[in-house]
Amino acid sequence: MAETSDQNIGRAPHIPVLLRPLLAACAPVSGVWLDGTFGAGGYTRGLLAAGAAQVIGVDRDPLALQMAAAWAGDYGDRLRLVAGNFSDMDSHAGQMLDGVVLDLGVSSMQIDLAERGFSFQKDGPLDMRMSQSGQSAADLVNQASEETLANILYHFGEERASRRIAHAIVEARVAAPITTTLRLAEIVAKCLPRPKPGQSHPATRSFQALRIAVNEEFAQLVQGLSAAERALKPGGLLAVVTFHSLEDRVVKRFFQQAAGEEPNANRYAPVKSETTARFTLVTRKAIGPDEQELEENPRARSAKLRVARRTEAPAKAVDAASLNAPDLPHSSKKGRR
């Protein structure tokens, strides 16, 4: 592990977003829960303090499990840590669960470590890999075709200037490979108007899009929602915290479909056939942060919480296309230049 990582272990703890409303919506907390995005363990500790008999903490980031080693032993058998992806949570759990929590945001420890390459505000290698293995953001930025880059920025970041930015990236990498976060952020910023006070950094959408592509986040999300449905007992709870509109739309649509409450696309469409609800909605609308939480943790400003309860209906396969999960045009996925 790099020196910077070692120095940051044990410093100011990650603040779990929307923990208070999550615990309130899931009360009383009991039985066996799975924290599919363990991170710094904030949700896990909150669930254990609220009454969970055991929490299974799953994370694909080796650093998360390394950091947890300093305190996990305090909980004895009540905490079990697993290296893996939440998309396989039903296999990792090895038993039926009373609850599942997923926090889909990048954790503070990942953002704050410059060498992880998630932040456009700190110079570091252009990495962005949550698992610290496989294709990095630098590989993608320097090898993908201009068309592929534009599609990634548009479909995963909703970046309107996607083609302009992709063209600038391809031109810049001819002079020298793009290997650092600040160089990429500078390239993107030059393609966009200077932000007004209070507006986000110009590179925000581009960095989000590349991170999603590198970590295959939407494929993992759809698979994870399906795995949670298979793993939960009747009456078990699924709580999901999202941080941008693309994620929230997928989660919202999944809950609507699973609860049999998906609205018709328009009033002229045929009425949908009656379906057996696999979930009931605990939160009918997404819950956001209150003023107290925003004051304590400004990073919570875009967070949304949705909670649903599993019924006795058999689990059903989830179709990513039916959830409108963002994807790249098939003809462009393998484009190279």
Foldseek 3Di string as FASTA:
>chain_A
DDPLLVVCQPPDAFADFPLVVVPVLLPQQEEEEEEQDCAQNNNVVSSVVSYYQAYEYEFLAPSNVVSCVVPVCVNPRRYHYDHDGLLQVLVVVVAATQEYEYELDDTPSCAVRQQNQLDLVHKYWQALERNSDDDGLLNCLLWADLVLQLLLLCLQLVDPCSSVLSVLSNVVCVVPRDTISNVSLVSQQVSDDDDDPPDDRSCVSSSRSSSCVRHVSLVSLLSSVLSNLQRHDQFHKYKYKYQDDLVVLLVLLVQCVLQQNDDDPDPPDDDDDGDDHQKAWSDPDWDADDPVVCVVPVSRHRMTMTMIGGHPDHRDRGDSVSSVRGDGDPVRPPHTD
